Amino acid sequence: MNDLGQDLELRLVRYFTVVAAHQHFGRAAADLHVAQPALSRQIQRLEKYLGARLLDRGPQGARLTPAGQSFLPRAQALLQAARQAELAVNKPRPRESPSATLKTW
């Protein structure tokens, strides 16, 4: 685990899930609108943070390691929880119905 005193970045987790889905850094980079070398560096940062190699890189693409297979469903759940938290905060609140006051003269 990380001993650098830093928090896990959701952006890196999202990058990992996209690479895992495409099984290819180039296609994942295009999908994420980032340069492939930058994406590769960010995945390396995540792997360093976690202390485990998540992907095996090869000429045919990227494959999940056993650590990557273990991390992927948790990464997806983490991203889903973050989306749900954001929606909960930004959910439209019920509007109060306007009250009418009748005056009698």
PDB file of N, CA and C in Angstrom:
ATOM      1  N   MET A   1       0.846  -1.179   0.000  1.00  0.00           N
ATOM      2  CA  MET A   1       0.000   0.000   0.000  1.00  0.00           C
ATOM      3  C   MET A   1       0.887   1.237   0.000  1.00  0.00           C
ATOM      4  N   ASN A   2       0.298   2.351  -0.219  1.00  0.00           N
ATOM      5  CA  ASN A   2       1.017   3.605  -0.364  1.00  0.00           C
ATOM      6  C   ASN A   2       1.493   4.135   0.978  1.00  0.00           C
ATOM      7  N   ASP A   3       2.751   4.501   1.042  1.00  0.00           N
ATOM      8  CA  ASP A   3       3.279   5.123   2.248  1.00  0.00           C
ATOM      9  C   ASP A   3       3.709   6.550   1.967  1.00  0.00           C
ATOM     10  N   LEU A   4       3.221   7.109   0.852  1.00  0.00           N
ATOM     11  CA  LEU A   4       3.609   8.461   0.452  1.00  0.00           C
ATOM     12  C   LEU A   4       2.708   9.532   1.055  1.00  0.00           C
ATOM     13  N   GLY A   5       1.692   9.130   1.799  1.00  0.00           N
ATOM     14  CA  GLY A   5       0.790  10.098   2.393  1.00  0.00           C
ATOM     15  C   GLY A   5      -0.122  10.745   1.368  1.00  0.00           C
ATOM     16  N   GLN A   6      -0.349  10.067   0.243  1.00  0.00           N
ATOM     17  CA  GLN A   6      -1.219  10.609  -0.793  1.00  0.00           C
ATOM     18  C   GLN A   6      -2.488   9.774  -0.865  1.00  0.00           C
ATOM     19  N   ASP A   7      -3.544  10.399  -1.365  1.00  0.00           N
ATOM     20  CA  ASP A   7      -4.816   9.705  -1.544  1.00  0.00           C
ATOM     21  C   ASP A   7      -4.888   9.085  -2.929  1.00  0.00           C
ATOM     22  N   LEU A   8      -5.654   8.048  -3.048  1.00  0.00           N
ATOM     23  CA  LEU A   8      -5.904   7.408  -4.331  1.00  0.00           C
ATOM     24  C   LEU A   8      -6.708   8.372  -5.198  1.00  0.00           C
ATOM     25  N   GLU A   9      -6.246   8.610  -6.412  1.00  0.00           N
ATOM     26  CA  GLU A   9      -6.922   9.540  -7.312  1.00  0.00           C
ATOM     27  C   GLU A   9      -7.948   8.800  -8.156  1.00  0.00           C
ATOM     28  N   LEU A  10      -9.184   9.287  -8.138  1.00  0.00           N
ATOM     29  CA  LEU A  10     -10.239   8.667  -8.928  1.00  0.00           C
ATOM     30  C   LEU A  10      -9.915   8.698 -10.421  1.00  0.00           C
ATOM     31  N   ARG A  11      -9.229   9.725 -10.869  1.00  0.00           N
ATOM     32  CA  ARG A  11      -8.865   9.832 -12.281  1.00  0.00           C
ATOM     33  C   ARG A  11      -8.003   8.638 -12.690  1.00  0.00           C
ATOM     34  N   LEU A  12      -7.051   8.264 -11.847  1.00  0.00           N
ATOM     35  CA  LEU A  12      -6.193   7.124 -12.152  1.00  0.00           C
ATOM     36  C   LEU A  12      -6.998   5.827 -12.160  1.00  0.00           C
ATOM     37  N   VAL A  13      -7.939   5.715 -11.260  1.00  0.00           N
ATOM     38  CA  VAL A  13      -8.797   4.527 -11.202  1.00  0.00           C
ATOM     39  C   VAL A  13      -9.626   4.443 -12.482  1.00  0.00           C
ATOM     40  N   ARG A  14     -10.173   5.571 -12.912  1.00  0.00           N
ATOM     41  CA  ARG A  14     -10.959   5.591 -14.151  1.00  0.00           C
ATOM     42  C   ARG A  14     -10.086   5.222 -15.345  1.00  0.00           C
ATOM     43  N   TYR A  15      -8.882   5.770 -15.393  1.00  0.00           N
ATOM     44  CA  TYR A  15      -7.968   5.418 -16.482  1.00  0.00           C
ATOM     45  C   TYR A  15      -7.730   3.914 -16.518  1.00  0.00           C
ATOM     46  N   PHE A  16      -7.501   3.324 -15.362  1.00  0.00           N
ATOM     47  CA  PHE A  16      -7.262   1.886 -15.295  1.00  0.00           C
ATOM     48  C   PHE A  16      -8.461   1.105 -15.833  1.00  0.00           C
ATOM     49  N   THR A  17      -9.679   1.493 -15.443  1.00  0.00           N
ATOM     50  CA  THR A  17     -10.854   0.748 -15.895  1.00  0.00           C
ATOM     51  C   THR A  17     -11.030   0.852 -17.406  1.00  0.00           C
ATOM     52  N   VAL A  18     -10.667   1.986 -17.982  1.00  0.00           N
ATOM     53  CA  VAL A  18     -10.793   2.147 -19.439  1.00  0.00           C
ATOM     54  C   VAL A  18      -9.744   1.297 -20.154  1.00  0.00           C
ATOM     55  N   VAL A  19      -8.520   1.288 -19.646  1.00  0.00           N
ATOM     56  CA  VAL A  19      -7.487   0.430 -20.248  1.00  0.00           C
ATOM     57  C   VAL A  19      -7.913  -1.035 -20.129  1.00  0.00           C
ATOM     58  N   ALA A  20      -8.440  -1.417 -18.981  1.00  0.00           N
ATOM     59  CA  ALA A  20      -8.882  -2.802 -18.789  1.00  0.00           C
ATOM     60  C   ALA A  20     -10.002  -3.153 -19.766  1.00  0.00           C
ATOM     61  N   ALA A  21     -10.907  -2.231 -20.014  1.00  0.00           N
ATOM     62  CA  ALA A  21     -12.018  -2.480 -20.930  1.00  0.00           C
ATOM     63  C   ALA A  21     -11.530  -2.640 -22.371  1.00  0.00           C
ATOM     64  N   HIS A  22     -10.598  -1.800 -22.784  1.00  0.00           N
ATOM     65  CA  HIS A  22     -10.091  -1.845 -24.154  1.00  0.00           C
ATOM     66  C   HIS A  22      -8.993  -2.890 -24.342  1.00  0.00           C
ATOM     67  N   GLN A  23      -8.331  -3.247 -23.252  1.00  0.00           N
ATOM     68  CA  GLN A  23      -7.170  -4.136 -23.286  1.00  0.00           C
ATOM     69  C   GLN A  23      -6.115  -3.626 -24.266  1.00  0.00           C
ATOM     70  N   HIS A  24      -6.014  -2.308 -24.326  1.00  0.00           N
ATOM     71  CA  HIS A  24      -5.074  -1.696 -25.268  1.00  0.00           C
ATOM     72  C   HIS A  24      -4.869  -0.236 -24.845  1.00  0.00           C
ATOM     73  N   PHE A  25      -3.625   0.156 -24.649  1.00  0.00           N
ATOM     74  CA  PHE A  25      -3.337   1.518 -24.202  1.00  0.00           C
ATOM     75  C   PHE A  25      -3.693   2.559 -25.264  1.00  0.00           C
ATOM     76  N   GLY A  26      -3.392   2.271 -26.526  1.00  0.00           N
ATOM     77  CA  GLY A  26      -3.666   3.238 -27.586  1.00  0.00           C
ATOM     78  C   GLY A  26      -5.147   3.538 -27.727  1.00  0.00           C
ATOM     79  N   ARG A  27      -5.980   2.491 -27.737  1.00  0.00           N
ATOM     80  CA  ARG A  27      -7.427   2.695 -27.862  1.00  0.00           C
ATOM     81  C   ARG A  27      -7.998   3.364 -26.618  1.00  0.00           C
ATOM     82  N   ALA A  28      -7.484   2.987 -25.453  1.00  0.00           N
ATOM     83  CA  ALA A  28      -7.940   3.619 -24.214  1.00  0.00           C
ATOM     84  C   ALA A  28      -7.570   5.098 -24.206  1.00  0.00           C
ATOM     85  N   ALA A  29      -6.365   5.410 -24.643  1.00  0.00           N
ATOM     86  CA  ALA A  29      -5.925   6.810 -24.685  1.00  0.00           C
ATOM     87  C   ALA A  29      -6.821   7.620 -25.615  1.00  0.00           C
ATOM     88  N   ALA A  30      -7.168   7.053 -26.768  1.00  0.00           N
ATOM     89  CA  ALA A  30      -8.048   7.757 -27.704  1.00  0.00           C
ATOM     90  C   ALA A  30      -9.417   7.988 -27.073  1.00  0.00           C
ATOM     91  N   ASP A  31      -9.934   6.974 -26.386  1.00  0.00           N
ATOM     92  CA  ASP A  31     -11.236   7.093 -25.723  1.00  0.00           C
ATOM     93  C   ASP A  31     -11.215   8.159 -24.633  1.00  0.00           C
ATOM     94  N   LEU A  32     -10.099   8.241 -23.922  1.00  0.00           N
ATOM     95  CA  LEU A  32      -9.961   9.201 -22.817  1.00  0.00           C
ATOM     96  C   LEU A  32      -9.504  10.588 -23.280  1.00  0.00           C
ATOM     97  N   HIS A  33      -9.137  10.696 -24.554  1.00  0.00           N
ATOM     98  CA  HIS A  33      -8.628  11.962 -25.108  1.00  0.00           C
ATOM     99  C   HIS A  33      -7.353  12.413 -24.402  1.00  0.00           C
ATOM    100  N   VAL A  34      -6.455  11.456 -24.181  1.00  0.00           N
ATOM    101  CA  VAL A  34      -5.136  11.749 -23.613  1.00  0.00           C
ATOM    102  C   VAL A  34      -4.094  11.066 -24.497  1.00  0.00           C
ATOM    103  N   ALA A  35      -2.873  11.517 -24.407  1.00  0.00           N
ATOM    104  CA  ALA A  35      -1.783  10.898 -25.163  1.00  0.00           C
ATOM    105  C   ALA A  35      -1.442   9.540 -24.543  1.00  0.00           C
ATOM    106  N   GLN A  36      -1.101   8.585 -25.387  1.00  0.00           N
ATOM    107  CA  GLN A  36      -0.802   7.239 -24.900  1.00  0.00           C
ATOM    108  C   GLN A  36       0.361   7.214 -23.914  1.00  0.00           C
ATOM    109  N   PRO A  37       1.473   7.949 -24.166  1.00  0.00           N
ATOM    110  CA  PRO A  37       2.558   7.921 -23.173  1.00  0.00           C
ATOM    111  C   PRO A  37       2.122   8.485 -21.809  1.00  0.00           C
ATOM    112  N   ALA A  38       1.278   9.505 -21.841  1.00  0.00           N
ATOM    113  CA  ALA A  38       0.790  10.075 -20.580  1.00  0.00           C
ATOM    114  C   ALA A  38      -0.095   9.078 -19.845  1.00  0.00           C
ATOM    115  N   LEU A  39      -0.948   8.371 -20.585  1.00  0.00           N
ATOM    116  CA  LEU A  39      -1.801   7.354 -19.970  1.00  0.00           C
ATOM    117  C   LEU A  39      -0.951   6.252 -19.348  1.00  0.00           C
ATOM    118  N   SER A  40       0.061   5.816 -20.057  1.00  0.00           N
ATOM    119  CA  SER A  40       0.949   4.778 -19.540  1.00  0.00           C
ATOM    120  C   SER A  40       1.616   5.228 -18.243  1.00  0.00           C
ATOM    121  N   ARG A  41       2.068   6.472 -18.206  1.00  0.00           N
ATOM    122  CA  ARG A  41       2.691   7.007 -16.976  1.00  0.00           C
ATOM    123  C   ARG A  41       1.699   7.054 -15.824  1.00  0.00           C
ATOM    124  N   GLN A  42       0.454   7.418 -16.107  1.00  0.00           N
ATOM    125  CA  GLN A  42      -0.553   7.489 -15.043  1.00  0.00           C
ATOM    126  C   GLN A  42      -0.873   6.099 -14.494  1.00  0.00           C
ATOM    127  N   ILE A  43      -0.918   5.110 -15.372  1.00  0.00           N
ATOM    128  CA  ILE A  43      -1.146   3.740 -14.899  1.00  0.00           C
ATOM    129  C   ILE A  43       0.040   3.281 -14.051  1.00  0.00           C
ATOM    130  N   GLN A  44       1.244   3.650 -14.453  1.00  0.00           N
ATOM    131  CA  GLN A  44       2.427   3.318 -13.647  1.00  0.00           C
ATOM    132  C   GLN A  44       2.347   3.985 -12.276  1.00  0.00           C
ATOM    133  N   ARG A  45       1.848   5.217 -12.222  1.00  0.00           N
ATOM    134  CA  ARG A  45       1.662   5.894 -10.923  1.00  0.00           C
ATOM    135  C   ARG A  45       0.696   5.116 -10.053  1.00  0.00           C
ATOM    136  N   LEU A  46      -0.410   4.654 -10.646  1.00  0.00           N
ATOM    137  CA  LEU A  46      -1.396   3.884  -9.896  1.00  0.00           C
ATOM    138  C   LEU A  46      -0.781   2.583  -9.395  1.00  0.00           C
ATOM    139  N   GLU A  47      -0.035   1.914 -10.261  1.00  0.00           N
ATOM    140  CA  GLU A  47       0.607   0.663  -9.858  1.00  0.00           C
ATOM    141  C   GLU A  47       1.608   0.905  -8.726  1.00  0.00           C
ATOM    142  N   LYS A  48       2.338   1.988  -8.805  1.00  0.00           N
ATOM    143  CA  LYS A  48       3.287   2.314  -7.731  1.00  0.00           C
ATOM    144  C   LYS A  48       2.539   2.601  -6.439  1.00  0.00           C
ATOM    145  N   TYR A  49       1.452   3.343  -6.542  1.00  0.00           N
ATOM    146  CA  TYR A  49       0.635   3.664  -5.363  1.00  0.00           C
ATOM    147  C   TYR A  49       0.130   2.385  -4.695  1.00  0.00           C
ATOM    148  N   LEU A  50      -0.368   1.453  -5.522  1.00  0.00           N
ATOM    149  CA  LEU A  50      -0.931   0.217  -4.988  1.00  0.00           C
ATOM    150  C   LEU A  50       0.135  -0.814  -4.624  1.00  0.00           C
ATOM    151  N   GLY A  51       1.326  -0.639  -5.168  1.00  0.00           N
ATOM    152  CA  GLY A  51       2.392  -1.589  -4.888  1.00  0.00           C
ATOM    153  C   GLY A  51       2.228  -2.907  -5.621  1.00  0.00           C
ATOM    154  N   ALA A  52       1.553  -2.853  -6.770  1.00  0.00           N
ATOM    155  CA  ALA A  52       1.327  -4.082  -7.542  1.00  0.00           C
ATOM    156  C   ALA A  52       1.193  -3.736  -9.021  1.00  0.00           C
ATOM    157  N   ARG A  53       1.679  -4.636  -9.862  1.00  0.00           N
ATOM    158  CA  ARG A  53       1.494  -4.467 -11.302  1.00  0.00           C
ATOM    159  C   ARG A  53       0.072  -4.908 -11.648  1.00  0.00           C
ATOM    160  N   LEU A  54      -0.682  -4.050 -12.309  1.00  0.00           N
ATOM    161  CA  LEU A  54      -2.073  -4.333 -12.639  1.00  0.00           C
ATOM    162  C   LEU A  54      -2.247  -4.870 -14.047  1.00  0.00           C
ATOM    163  N   LEU A  55      -1.313  -4.495 -14.936  1.00  0.00           N
ATOM    164  CA  LEU A  55      -1.432  -4.847 -16.345  1.00  0.00           C
ATOM    165  C   LEU A  55      -0.125  -5.393 -16.872  1.00  0.00           C
ATOM    166  N   ASP A  56      -0.219  -6.434 -17.677  1.00  0.00           N
ATOM    167  CA  ASP A  56       0.922  -6.918 -18.448  1.00  0.00           C
ATOM    168  C   ASP A  56       0.834  -6.248 -19.805  1.00  0.00           C
ATOM    169  N   ARG A  57       1.900  -5.565 -20.192  1.00  0.00           N
ATOM    170  CA  ARG A  57       1.916  -4.853 -21.461  1.00  0.00           C
ATOM    171  C   ARG A  57       2.641  -5.702 -22.489  1.00  0.00           C
ATOM    172  N   GLY A  58       2.092  -5.756 -23.682  1.00  0.00           N
ATOM    173  CA  GLY A  58       2.726  -6.513 -24.751  1.00  0.00           C
ATOM    174  C   GLY A  58       2.361  -5.923 -26.096  1.00  0.00           C
ATOM    175  N   PRO A  59       2.943  -6.449 -27.156  1.00  0.00           N
ATOM    176  CA  PRO A  59       2.659  -5.916 -28.488  1.00  0.00           C
ATOM    177  C   PRO A  59       1.192  -6.090 -28.897  1.00  0.00           C
ATOM    178  N   GLN A  60       0.524  -7.097 -28.333  1.00  0.00           N
ATOM    179  CA  GLN A  60      -0.879  -7.342 -28.681  1.00  0.00           C
ATOM    180  C   GLN A  60      -1.832  -6.524 -27.817  1.00  0.00           C
ATOM    181  N   GLY A  61      -1.325  -5.828 -26.826  1.00  0.00           N
ATOM    182  CA  GLY A  61      -2.194  -5.030 -25.963  1.00  0.00           C
ATOM    183  C   GLY A  61      -1.832  -5.170 -24.502  1.00  0.00           C
ATOM    184  N   ALA A  62      -2.813  -4.971 -23.670  1.00  0.00           N
ATOM    185  CA  ALA A  62      -2.617  -5.024 -22.218  1.00  0.00           C
ATOM    186  C   ALA A  62      -3.568  -6.060 -21.631  1.00  0.00           C
ATOM    187  N   ARG A  63      -3.029  -6.882 -20.752  1.00  0.00           N
ATOM    188  CA  ARG A  63      -3.838  -7.898 -20.082  1.00  0.00           C
ATOM    189  C   ARG A  63      -3.755  -7.686 -18.580  1.00  0.00           C
ATOM    190  N   LEU A  64      -4.871  -7.962 -17.922  1.00  0.00           N
ATOM    191  CA  LEU A  64      -4.900  -7.838 -16.472  1.00  0.00           C
ATOM    192  C   LEU A  64      -4.038  -8.911 -15.822  1.00  0.00           C
ATOM    193  N   THR A  65      -3.263  -8.507 -14.845  1.00  0.00           N
ATOM    194  CA  THR A  65      -2.541  -9.447 -13.999  1.00  0.00           C
ATOM    195  C   THR A  65      -3.533  -9.968 -12.955  1.00  0.00           C
ATOM    196  N   PRO A  66      -3.156 -10.947 -12.161  1.00  0.00           N
ATOM    197  CA  PRO A  66      -4.041 -11.361 -11.071  1.00  0.00           C
ATOM    198  C   PRO A  66      -4.399 -10.179 -10.144  1.00  0.00           C
ATOM    199  N   ALA A  67      -3.436  -9.309  -9.878  1.00  0.00           N
ATOM    200  CA  ALA A  67      -3.737  -8.125  -9.048  1.00  0.00           C
ATOM    201  C   ALA A  67      -4.727  -7.217  -9.763  1.00  0.00           C
ATOM    202  N   GLY A  68      -4.563  -7.058 -11.075  1.00  0.00           N
ATOM    203  CA  GLY A  68      -5.486  -6.238 -11.853  1.00  0.00           C
ATOM    204  C   GLY A  68      -6.882  -6.826 -11.867  1.00  0.00           C
ATOM    205  N   GLN A  69      -6.968  -8.157 -11.968  1.00  0.00           N
ATOM    206  CA  GLN A  69      -8.274  -8.824 -11.945  1.00  0.00           C
ATOM    207  C   GLN A  69      -8.961  -8.619 -10.599  1.00  0.00           C
ATOM    208  N   SER A  70      -8.180  -8.623  -9.543  1.00  0.00           N
ATOM    209  CA  SER A  70      -8.725  -8.399  -8.207  1.00  0.00           C
ATOM    210  C   SER A  70      -9.143  -6.940  -8.011  1.00  0.00           C
ATOM    211  N   PHE A  71      -8.363  -6.025  -8.563  1.00  0.00           N
ATOM    212  CA  PHE A  71      -8.628  -4.601  -8.374  1.00  0.00           C
ATOM    213  C   PHE A  71      -9.776  -4.096  -9.246  1.00  0.00           C
ATOM    214  N   LEU A  72      -9.972  -4.653 -10.438  1.00  0.00           N
ATOM    215  CA  LEU A  72     -10.947  -4.116 -11.387  1.00  0.00           C
ATOM    216  C   LEU A  72     -12.366  -3.999 -10.821  1.00  0.00           C
ATOM    217  N   PRO A  73     -12.962  -5.043 -10.242  1.00  0.00           N
ATOM    218  CA  PRO A  73     -14.332  -4.863  -9.735  1.00  0.00           C
ATOM    219  C   PRO A  73     -14.404  -3.848  -8.599  1.00  0.00           C
ATOM    220  N   ARG A  74     -13.353  -3.760  -7.822  1.00  0.00           N
ATOM    221  CA  ARG A  74     -13.333  -2.778  -6.735  1.00  0.00           C
ATOM    222  C   ARG A  74     -13.185  -1.366  -7.291  1.00  0.00           C
ATOM    223  N   ALA A  75     -12.393  -1.229  -8.346  1.00  0.00           N
ATOM    224  CA  ALA A  75     -12.237   0.068  -9.004  1.00  0.00           C
ATOM    225  C   ALA A  75     -13.564   0.518  -9.599  1.00  0.00           C
ATOM    226  N   GLN A  76     -14.269  -0.407 -10.244  1.00  0.00           N
ATOM    227  CA  GLN A  76     -15.571  -0.079 -10.820  1.00  0.00           C
ATOM    228  C   GLN A  76     -16.566   0.310  -9.736  1.00  0.00           C
ATOM    229  N   ALA A  77     -16.553  -0.406  -8.621  1.00  0.00           N
ATOM    230  CA  ALA A  77     -17.448  -0.077  -7.506  1.00  0.00           C
ATOM    231  C   ALA A  77     -17.101   1.282  -6.910  1.00  0.00           C
ATOM    232  N   LEU A  78     -15.817   1.576  -6.815  1.00  0.00           N
ATOM    233  CA  LEU A  78     -15.380   2.873  -6.291  1.00  0.00           C
ATOM    234  C   LEU A  78     -15.877   4.013  -7.179  1.00  0.00           C
ATOM    235  N   LEU A  79     -15.746   3.861  -8.486  1.00  0.00           N
ATOM    236  CA  LEU A  79     -16.207   4.894  -9.412  1.00  0.00           C
ATOM    237  C   LEU A  79     -17.725   5.042  -9.354  1.00  0.00           C
ATOM    238  N   GLN A  80     -18.426   3.923  -9.239  1.00  0.00           N
ATOM    239  CA  GLN A  80     -19.891   3.981  -9.123  1.00  0.00           C
ATOM    240  C   GLN A  80     -20.296   4.689  -7.827  1.00  0.00           C
ATOM    241  N   ALA A  81     -19.615   4.393  -6.737  1.00  0.00           N
ATOM    242  CA  ALA A  81     -19.921   5.052  -5.455  1.00  0.00           C
ATOM    243  C   ALA A  81     -19.658   6.550  -5.547  1.00  0.00           C
ATOM    244  N   ALA A  82     -18.606   6.941  -6.233  1.00  0.00           N
ATOM    245  CA  ALA A  82     -18.310   8.365  -6.396  1.00  0.00           C
ATOM    246  C   ALA A  82     -19.408   9.047  -7.207  1.00  0.00           C
ATOM    247  N   ARG A  83     -19.887   8.373  -8.272  1.00  0.00           N
ATOM    248  CA  ARG A  83     -20.986   8.938  -9.081  1.00  0.00           C
ATOM    249  C   ARG A  83     -22.245   9.075  -8.242  1.00  0.00           C
ATOM    250  N   GLN A  84     -22.553   8.057  -7.448  1.00  0.00           N
ATOM    251  CA  GLN A  84     -23.751   8.097  -6.607  1.00  0.00           C
ATOM    252  C   GLN A  84     -23.653   9.208  -5.558  1.00  0.00           C
ATOM    253  N   ALA A  85     -22.472   9.389  -4.995  1.00  0.00           N
ATOM    254  CA  ALA A  85     -22.289  10.459  -4.014  1.00  0.00           C
ATOM    255  C   ALA A  85     -22.497  11.819  -4.662  1.00  0.00           C
ATOM    256  N   GLU A  86     -21.964  11.984  -5.857  1.00  0.00           N
ATOM    257  CA  GLU A  86     -22.139  13.250  -6.569  1.00  0.00           C
ATOM    258  C   GLU A  86     -23.608  13.498  -6.890  1.00  0.00           C
ATOM    259  N   LEU A  87     -24.295  12.467  -7.343  1.00  0.00           N
ATOM    260  CA  LEU A  87     -25.716  12.613  -7.649  1.00  0.00           C
ATOM    261  C   LEU A  87     -26.539  12.931  -6.407  1.00  0.00           C
ATOM    262  N   ALA A  88     -26.178  12.323  -5.287  1.00  0.00           N
ATOM    263  CA  ALA A  88     -26.909  12.570  -4.048  1.00  0.00           C
ATOM    264  C   ALA A  88     -26.798  14.026  -3.621  1.00  0.00           C
ATOM    265  N   VAL A  89     -25.641  14.608  -3.834  1.00  0.00           N
ATOM    266  CA  VAL A  89     -25.431  16.000  -3.451  1.00  0.00           C
ATOM    267  C   VAL A  89     -26.119  16.943  -4.426  1.00  0.00           C
ATOM    268  N   ASN A  90     -26.089  16.580  -5.701  1.00  0.00           N
ATOM    269  CA  ASN A  90     -26.633  17.453  -6.741  1.00  0.00           C
ATOM    270  C   ASN A  90     -28.070  17.134  -7.129  1.00  0.00           C
ATOM    271  N   LYS A  91     -28.692  16.190  -6.427  1.00  0.00           N
ATOM    272  CA  LYS A  91     -30.056  15.801  -6.754  1.00  0.00           C
ATOM    273  C   LYS A  91     -30.991  16.992  -6.539  1.00  0.00           C
ATOM    274  N   PRO A  92     -31.870  17.245  -7.497  1.00  0.00           N
ATOM    275  CA  PRO A  92     -32.819  18.345  -7.296  1.00  0.00           C
ATOM    276  C   PRO A  92     -33.686  18.067  -6.077  1.00  0.00           C
ATOM    277  N   ARG A  93     -33.851  19.062  -5.288  1.00  0.00           N
ATOM    278  CA  ARG A  93     -34.676  18.931  -4.087  1.00  0.00           C
ATOM    279  C   ARG A  93     -36.118  19.274  -4.446  1.00  0.00           C
ATOM    280  N   PRO A  94     -37.050  18.630  -3.775  1.00  0.00           N
ATOM    281  CA  PRO A  94     -38.446  18.957  -4.066  1.00  0.00           C
ATOM    282  C   PRO A  94     -38.704  20.434  -3.772  1.00  0.00           C
ATOM    283  N   ARG A  95     -39.395  21.047  -4.695  1.00  0.00           N
ATOM    284  CA  ARG A  95     -39.698  22.467  -4.510  1.00  0.00           C
ATOM    285  C   ARG A  95     -40.899  22.589  -3.579  1.00  0.00           C
ATOM    286  N   GLU A  96     -40.821  23.588  -2.751  1.00  0.00           N
ATOM    287  CA  GLU A  96     -41.964  23.840  -1.885  1.00  0.00           C
ATOM    288  C   GLU A  96     -43.064  24.432  -2.745  1.00  0.00           C
ATOM    289  N   SER A  97     -44.263  23.973  -2.492  1.00  0.00           N
ATOM    290  CA  SER A  97     -45.362  24.532  -3.265  1.00  0.00           C
ATOM    291  C   SER A  97     -45.649  25.933  -2.740  1.00  0.00           C
ATOM    292  N   PRO A  98     -45.900  26.830  -3.642  1.00  0.00           N
ATOM    293  CA  PRO A  98     -46.154  28.193  -3.194  1.00  0.00           C
ATOM    294  C   PRO A  98     -47.433  28.232  -2.370  1.00  0.00           C
ATOM    295  N   SER A  99     -47.363  28.967  -1.305  1.00  0.00           N
ATOM    296  CA  SER A  99     -48.549  29.066  -0.462  1.00  0.00           C
ATOM    297  C   SER A  99     -49.287  30.344  -0.830  1.00  0.00           C
ATOM    298  N   ALA A 100     -50.559  30.221  -0.807  1.00  0.00           N
ATOM    299  CA  ALA A 100     -51.399  31.386  -1.124  1.00  0.00           C
ATOM    300  C   ALA A 100     -52.075  31.826   0.162  1.00  0.00           C
ATOM    301  N   THR A 101     -52.052  33.081   0.374  1.00  0.00           N
ATOM    302  CA  THR A 101     -52.720  33.636   1.549  1.00  0.00           C
ATOM    303  C   THR A 101     -53.955  34.390   1.069  1.00  0.00           C
ATOM    304  N   LEU A 102     -55.046  33.991   1.596  1.00  0.00           N
ATOM    305  CA  LEU A 102     -56.288  34.676   1.252  1.00  0.00           C
ATOM    306  C   LEU A 102     -56.588  35.699   2.315  1.00  0.00           C
ATOM    307  N   LYS A 103     -56.839  36.896   1.883  1.00  0.00           N
ATOM    308  CA  LYS A 103     -57.218  37.939   2.832  1.00  0.00           C
ATOM    309  C   LYS A 103     -58.687  38.230   2.643  1.00  0.00           C
ATOM    310  N   THR A 104     -59.338  38.336   3.723  1.00  0.00           N
ATOM    311  CA  THR A 104     -60.757  38.720   3.656  1.00  0.00           C
ATOM    312  C   THR A 104     -60.887  40.131   4.181  1.00  0.00           C
ATOM    313  N   TRP A 105     -61.670  40.905   3.513  1.00  0.00           N
ATOM    314  CA  TRP A 105     -61.830  42.317   3.904  1.00  0.00           C
ATOM    315  C   TRP A 105     -63.108  42.542   4.578  1.00  0.00           C
TER     316      TRP A 105
END
